[in-house]
Amino acid sequence: METSTPDNERGVAVEFSSEEERDAFLRHLEEVFGPQRFSNNAAAFETVKAYVLEQRARRTR
């Protein structure tokens, strides 16, 4: 969900240079995680959060 300010309390805040870049990244996440099944929402959130932060760190190197 897009917010006007980062909300690290309830989500993972990442910045994109354009809406197109954001949309492409969301499609990629759906491809990677869509087929997976998690035992609970917390496990899903933590797995996706770690993946997102790792991907963003790689892009800023």
Protein backbone atom coordinates (compact mmCIF):
# COMPACT_ATOMS: atom_id res chain seq x y z
CA MET A 1 0.00 0.00 0.00
CA GLU A 2 1.38 3.36 -0.95
CA THR A 3 1.67 5.87 1.89
CA SER A 4 2.69 9.51 2.01
CA THR A 5 5.33 8.77 4.66
CA PRO A 6 7.27 5.57 5.46
CA ASP A 7 5.45 3.26 7.89
CA ASN A 8 8.00 0.79 9.24
CA GLU A 9 5.74 0.01 12.19
CA ARG A 10 3.10 -1.77 10.09
CA GLY A 11 5.01 -2.63 6.96
CA VAL A 12 8.19 -2.47 4.95
CA ALA A 13 9.02 0.95 3.58
CA VAL A 14 10.89 1.08 0.29
CA GLU A 15 11.20 3.90 -2.18
CA PHE A 16 10.86 3.64 -5.96
CA SER A 17 11.81 6.12 -8.63
CA SER A 18 8.52 5.68 -10.47
CA GLU A 19 5.14 3.99 -10.33
CA GLU A 20 6.28 1.70 -13.13
CA GLU A 21 9.27 0.53 -11.09
CA ARG A 22 7.01 -0.06 -8.09
CA ASP A 23 4.47 -1.99 -10.13
CA ALA A 24 7.17 -4.17 -11.71
CA PHE A 25 8.58 -4.96 -8.26
CA LEU A 26 5.12 -5.89 -6.94
CA ARG A 27 4.55 -8.17 -9.93
CA HIS A 28 7.91 -9.82 -9.21
CA LEU A 29 6.91 -10.37 -5.56
CA GLU A 30 3.64 -11.96 -6.69
CA GLU A 31 5.56 -14.31 -9.00
CA VAL A 32 8.00 -15.33 -6.26
CA PHE A 33 5.63 -15.61 -3.30
CA GLY A 34 2.22 -16.20 -4.87
CA PRO A 35 2.62 -19.97 -5.21
CA GLN A 36 4.06 -20.39 -1.70
CA ARG A 37 2.00 -21.40 1.31
CA PHE A 38 2.85 -20.11 4.76
CA SER A 39 1.77 -21.50 8.10
CA ASN A 40 0.58 -18.08 9.28
CA ASN A 41 0.51 -14.40 8.37
CA ALA A 42 3.50 -13.54 10.55
CA ALA A 43 5.69 -16.08 8.77
CA ALA A 44 4.59 -14.74 5.40
CA PHE A 45 5.22 -11.13 6.41
CA GLU A 46 8.68 -11.83 7.81
CA THR A 47 9.71 -13.87 4.76
CA VAL A 48 8.57 -11.23 2.29
CA LYS A 49 10.03 -8.42 4.42
CA ALA A 50 13.46 -10.06 4.50
CA TYR A 51 13.33 -10.64 0.75
CA VAL A 52 12.32 -7.04 0.00
CA LEU A 53 15.01 -5.56 2.22
CA GLU A 54 17.64 -7.83 0.68
CA GLN A 55 16.60 -6.91 -2.85
CA ARG A 56 16.63 -3.18 -2.09
CA ALA A 57 20.07 -3.46 -0.43
CA ARG A 58 21.44 -5.15 -3.55
CA ARG A 59 20.12 -2.36 -5.76
CA THR A 60 21.78 0.38 -3.69
CA ARG A 61 25.25 -1.17 -3.72
